[in-house]
Protein backbone atom coordinates (compact mmCIF):
# COMPACT_ATOMS: atom_id res chain seq x y z
CA MET A 1 -154.69 50.11 -84.30
CA PRO A 2 -152.23 52.98 -83.49
CA THR A 3 -148.69 52.37 -85.21
CA ARG A 4 -145.66 51.35 -83.45
CA GLY A 5 -142.78 53.65 -82.80
CA THR A 6 -142.43 57.42 -83.00
CA LYS A 7 -141.86 59.84 -85.95
CA PRO A 8 -141.17 63.56 -85.38
CA ASN A 9 -143.74 66.09 -86.18
CA LYS A 10 -143.25 69.73 -86.46
CA SER A 11 -146.32 70.58 -84.09
CA VAL A 12 -146.49 67.90 -81.53
CA ALA A 13 -144.57 64.83 -80.84
CA ARG A 14 -146.03 61.51 -82.11
CA ARG A 15 -146.90 59.08 -79.45
CA ALA A 16 -145.79 55.62 -79.51
CA SER A 17 -148.10 52.95 -78.72
CA SER A 18 -148.60 49.25 -79.54
CA ASP A 19 -150.79 47.41 -82.36
CA SER A 20 -154.18 46.58 -80.96
CA ALA A 21 -155.42 43.79 -83.78
CA ALA A 22 -154.80 43.29 -87.52
CA GLY A 23 -157.59 43.12 -89.70
CA ALA A 24 -159.32 44.25 -92.86
CA GLY A 25 -158.46 47.92 -93.47
CA GLY A 26 -154.89 47.78 -91.86
CA GLY A 27 -152.81 48.06 -94.93
CA GLY A 28 -152.09 51.28 -96.63
CA ARG A 29 -150.40 54.53 -95.25
CA SER A 30 -151.21 55.54 -91.61
CA ILE A 31 -153.74 58.40 -90.54
CA ASP A 32 -152.30 60.83 -88.23
CA LEU A 33 -154.86 61.37 -85.45
CA TYR A 34 -154.34 64.81 -83.36
CA TYR A 35 -155.93 63.68 -80.09
CA TRP A 36 -156.62 64.51 -76.60
CA PRO A 37 -158.71 62.02 -74.41
CA THR A 38 -162.08 63.68 -74.49
CA PRO A 39 -165.44 62.38 -75.53
CA ASN A 40 -164.85 64.19 -78.88
CA GLY A 41 -161.48 62.32 -79.26
CA TRP A 42 -162.83 59.15 -78.35
CA LYS A 43 -165.29 59.62 -81.48
CA ILE A 44 -162.33 59.00 -83.65
CA THR A 45 -160.17 56.55 -81.87
CA ILE A 46 -163.56 54.27 -81.61
CA MET A 47 -164.07 54.59 -85.53
CA LEU A 48 -160.59 53.95 -86.31
CA GLU A 49 -160.65 50.96 -84.35
CA GLU A 50 -163.82 49.66 -85.63
CA CYS A 51 -162.71 50.16 -89.22
CA ARG A 52 -159.40 48.52 -88.49
CA LEU A 53 -157.43 51.39 -90.04
CA ARG A 54 -153.70 52.11 -89.10
CA TYR A 55 -153.36 55.38 -87.19
CA ALA A 56 -150.69 57.22 -85.18
CA VAL A 57 -151.77 59.26 -82.15
CA ILE A 58 -150.62 63.06 -82.13
CA PRO A 59 -150.98 64.22 -78.74
CA VAL A 60 -152.46 67.81 -78.85
CA ASN A 61 -152.14 69.28 -75.10
CA ILE A 62 -155.15 71.39 -74.80
CA ALA A 63 -154.06 72.53 -71.26
CA ARG A 64 -150.66 74.00 -72.49
CA GLY A 65 -152.04 75.59 -75.61
CA ASP A 66 -150.69 73.25 -78.33
CA GLN A 67 -154.09 73.62 -79.96
CA PHE A 68 -153.10 77.04 -81.07
CA LYS A 69 -149.68 76.50 -82.52
CA PRO A 70 -149.76 77.67 -86.16
CA GLN A 71 -149.01 74.00 -87.38
CA PHE A 72 -151.96 72.68 -85.77
CA LEU A 73 -154.41 75.57 -87.01
CA ALA A 74 -153.22 74.60 -90.51
CA ILE A 75 -155.08 71.35 -89.87
CA SER A 76 -157.90 72.47 -87.66
CA PRO A 77 -158.69 76.27 -87.87
CA ASN A 78 -161.10 76.03 -85.09
CA ASN A 79 -158.34 75.19 -82.84
CA ARG A 80 -160.07 72.16 -81.40
CA ILE A 81 -159.22 68.35 -81.52
CA PRO A 82 -159.90 65.79 -82.87
CA ALA A 83 -158.49 66.37 -86.33
CA ILE A 84 -156.99 63.85 -88.78
CA VAL A 85 -154.53 63.80 -91.71
CA ASP A 86 -155.18 60.96 -93.96
CA HIS A 87 -151.97 60.26 -96.11
CA ASP A 88 -154.01 58.04 -98.20
CA GLY A 89 -156.72 60.69 -99.03
CA PRO A 90 -158.88 61.11 -102.47
CA GLY A 91 -156.66 60.37 -105.25
CA GLY A 92 -153.80 58.96 -103.35
CA LYS A 93 -153.25 62.34 -101.79
CA PRO A 94 -153.13 63.53 -98.04
CA ILE A 95 -156.25 65.35 -96.98
CA ALA A 96 -156.86 67.09 -93.59
CA ILE A 97 -160.01 67.15 -91.89
CA PHE A 98 -161.35 68.85 -88.61
CA GLU A 99 -164.66 68.60 -86.72
CA SER A 100 -165.40 64.92 -85.25
CA GLY A 101 -168.78 64.63 -87.22
CA ALA A 102 -167.11 65.40 -90.38
CA ILE A 103 -164.21 62.89 -89.55
CA LEU A 104 -166.81 60.23 -88.89
CA GLN A 105 -168.56 60.77 -92.18
CA TYR A 106 -165.31 60.78 -94.22
CA LEU A 107 -164.05 57.38 -92.55
CA GLY A 108 -167.56 56.05 -93.13
CA ARG A 109 -167.49 56.93 -96.93
CA LYS A 110 -163.73 55.74 -96.94
CA THR A 111 -164.22 52.22 -95.57
CA GLY A 112 -167.84 51.63 -96.26
CA LYS A 113 -168.64 50.93 -92.55
CA PHE A 114 -171.03 52.31 -90.17
CA TYR A 115 -172.44 54.87 -92.63
CA PRO A 116 -174.95 53.41 -95.08
CA THR A 117 -174.98 54.15 -98.73
CA ALA A 118 -178.79 54.21 -99.38
CA GLU A 119 -180.09 57.54 -98.87
CA ARG A 120 -182.72 57.21 -96.54
CA ALA A 121 -180.53 55.14 -94.27
CA ARG A 122 -177.71 57.71 -94.36
CA VAL A 123 -180.25 60.64 -93.65
CA GLU A 124 -181.41 58.81 -90.52
CA VAL A 125 -177.82 58.43 -89.52
CA ASP A 126 -176.96 61.94 -90.32
CA ALA A 127 -180.07 63.23 -88.43
CA TRP A 128 -178.90 61.59 -85.11
CA LEU A 129 -175.22 62.38 -85.64
CA PHE A 130 -176.17 65.86 -85.97
CA TRP A 131 -178.23 65.69 -82.74
CA GLN A 132 -175.25 64.65 -80.84
CA MET A 133 -173.17 67.26 -82.54
CA ALA A 134 -175.67 70.06 -81.58
CA ASN A 135 -177.33 68.87 -78.59
CA LEU A 136 -175.79 65.82 -76.51
CA GLY A 137 -172.18 66.80 -76.76
CA PRO A 138 -172.41 70.66 -76.37
CA LYS A 139 -175.14 70.44 -73.58
CA SER A 140 -173.03 67.50 -71.68
CA GLY A 141 -170.15 69.78 -71.79
CA GLU A 142 -171.73 72.79 -70.43
CA ALA A 143 -173.33 70.51 -67.72
CA ASN A 144 -169.86 69.31 -67.04
CA HIS A 145 -168.24 72.77 -67.03
CA PHE A 146 -170.83 74.34 -64.51
CA ARG A 147 -170.73 71.32 -62.20
CA HIS A 148 -167.08 70.97 -61.92
CA TYR A 149 -164.88 73.76 -63.21
CA ALA A 150 -166.87 77.09 -62.89
CA ALA A 151 -165.08 79.43 -60.28
CA ASP A 152 -168.69 80.37 -58.92
CA LYS A 153 -171.14 77.66 -58.78
CA LEU A 154 -174.21 79.15 -60.39
CA PRO A 155 -177.32 77.12 -59.30
CA TYR A 156 -179.35 78.65 -62.44
CA ALA A 157 -176.55 77.41 -64.94
CA ILE A 158 -176.09 74.01 -63.38
CA ASP A 159 -180.06 73.38 -63.23
CA ARG A 160 -180.34 74.83 -66.91
CA PHE A 161 -178.04 72.38 -68.33
CA SER A 162 -179.13 69.48 -66.25
CA ASN A 163 -182.50 69.76 -67.10
CA GLU A 164 -181.44 70.19 -70.98
CA ILE A 165 -179.33 66.99 -70.60
CA ASN A 166 -182.34 65.04 -68.66
CA ARG A 167 -184.79 66.15 -71.60
CA LEU A 168 -182.14 64.77 -74.12
CA TYR A 169 -181.64 61.44 -72.42
CA GLY A 170 -185.40 61.29 -72.59
CA VAL A 171 -185.51 61.89 -76.27
CA MET A 172 -182.66 59.14 -76.87
CA ASP A 173 -184.38 56.68 -74.53
CA ARG A 174 -187.69 56.97 -76.61
CA ARG A 175 -185.70 56.82 -79.70
CA LEU A 176 -184.14 53.41 -78.51
CA GLU A 177 -187.55 52.05 -77.24
CA GLN A 178 -187.86 49.80 -80.20
CA ARG A 179 -184.43 49.95 -81.87
CA GLU A 180 -181.14 48.26 -81.03
CA PHE A 181 -179.22 51.15 -81.96
CA LEU A 182 -180.08 54.81 -82.87
CA ALA A 183 -180.47 54.60 -86.70
CA GLY A 184 -181.44 50.98 -86.44
CA ARG A 185 -178.16 49.31 -86.96
CA TYR A 186 -174.94 50.47 -85.34
CA SER A 187 -173.41 53.47 -87.11
CA ILE A 188 -171.25 56.52 -86.64
CA ALA A 189 -174.35 58.00 -84.74
CA ASP A 190 -173.77 55.52 -81.90
CA ILE A 191 -170.11 56.20 -82.16
CA ALA A 192 -170.54 59.82 -81.61
CA CYS A 193 -172.77 59.55 -78.60
CA ILE A 194 -171.10 56.92 -76.85
CA GLY A 195 -168.24 58.95 -75.20
CA TRP A 196 -170.64 61.16 -73.86
CA ALA A 197 -173.02 58.94 -72.54
CA SER A 198 -170.49 56.83 -70.72
CA ARG A 199 -169.87 60.10 -68.45
CA ALA A 200 -173.51 60.65 -67.91
CA GLU A 201 -173.09 60.18 -64.00
CA ARG A 202 -170.25 62.82 -64.10
CA HIS A 203 -172.66 65.22 -65.68
CA GLY A 204 -175.27 64.67 -62.83
CA HIS A 205 -177.45 62.08 -64.74
CA ASP A 206 -178.57 58.76 -63.48
CA LEU A 207 -179.17 56.54 -66.48
CA PRO A 208 -181.02 53.95 -64.69
CA ALA A 209 -184.08 56.37 -65.10
CA PHE A 210 -183.69 55.71 -69.04
CA PRO A 211 -183.53 52.02 -69.21
CA ASN A 212 -183.47 51.78 -73.13
CA VAL A 213 -180.28 54.20 -72.91
CA ARG A 214 -178.77 52.01 -70.07
CA ARG A 215 -179.27 48.92 -72.55
CA TRP A 216 -177.84 50.87 -75.37
CA LEU A 217 -174.74 51.88 -73.37
CA GLN A 218 -173.84 48.26 -72.21
CA ALA A 219 -174.26 47.14 -75.54
CA VAL A 220 -171.95 49.60 -77.28
CA LEU A 221 -169.40 49.43 -74.36
CA ALA A 222 -169.22 45.71 -74.72
CA ARG A 223 -167.68 46.03 -78.27
CA ALA A 224 -164.03 45.33 -78.42
CA ALA A 225 -163.33 48.06 -80.75
CA VAL A 226 -165.05 50.50 -78.56
CA LYS A 227 -163.05 49.29 -75.47
CA ARG A 228 -159.86 49.68 -77.37
CA GLY A 229 -160.80 53.26 -78.62
CA LEU A 230 -161.64 54.51 -75.17
CA SER A 231 -158.39 53.03 -73.84
CA VAL A 232 -156.18 55.11 -75.83
CA LYS A 233 -154.34 57.46 -73.15
CA VAL A 234 -152.17 60.17 -73.30
CA GLU A 235 -150.10 60.47 -70.21
CA ALA A 236 -150.00 64.11 -69.83
CA ALA A 237 -153.64 64.17 -69.48
CA PHE A 238 -153.47 62.53 -66.19
CA HIS A 239 -151.18 65.46 -64.80
CA VAL A 240 -153.44 68.35 -65.80
CA ASP A 241 -154.11 70.70 -62.88
CA MET A 242 -157.39 72.29 -63.52
CA SER A 243 -156.75 74.64 -60.56
CA ASP A 244 -153.69 76.23 -62.10
CA PRO A 245 -154.75 79.73 -63.44
CA GLN A 246 -152.71 79.44 -66.49
CA VAL A 247 -154.47 76.38 -67.56
CA ARG A 248 -157.75 77.70 -66.71
CA VAL A 249 -157.01 80.51 -68.97
CA VAL A 250 -156.07 78.35 -71.92
CA LEU A 251 -159.12 76.12 -71.45
CA PHE A 252 -161.63 78.90 -70.57
CA GLY A 253 -160.59 82.18 -71.28
CA GLN A 254 -159.90 82.30 -74.91
CA ARG A 255 -160.98 85.04 -77.36
CA ALA A 256 -160.88 85.89 -81.02
CA ARG A 257 -156.87 86.11 -82.04
């Protein structure tokens, strides 16, 4: 539930948004979410909504280069969103966390939700979480890039990543053949995957070819918290001109600094 009102931030202005729903976990200090509306950003808005935690969205305009500002790098040294600062961290002291998978695990431990404590069950969730982090996310991102943003349409690159995504949805489809969710029960593994899978058609894939994935996708997208998480908007994101050479340099032309 994003908090109401605005509060100055040294790096990026805090976004004002309305409360979504009150519930368990809503008390305590707010979590600052450094965010841009992408599949990786949605992982965290969904998890925060599922856990009914209070949070404030701080937009990080990745097309403008906000991710390279020193204030943000102090929180996320890999200059990538999402990142969070939990002002009610371990011992009641603030903690900054970057990398979406690490954030999901932290919030799961913090709340006891969607991340089992039993070792065998946790290992199963972790395996599919890291499957997303190492496979579904990066390969979908490359497929999207070469289809929509590459200056030269390279058939080899498009085919390479399209084939790999097809293979991954096949893996996922087999996994879901006898399970409702990736690790049996709904978990952070499903939360990690949903933003990417919801954009499969944009990445060049026809999910009806994978009936178990399609059934899973419909079930997860029907969850109220998932709907709220996916609906967290940043107005500036609607006005990014991907044909602007400066925007393309910021997004695609970065080297070590």
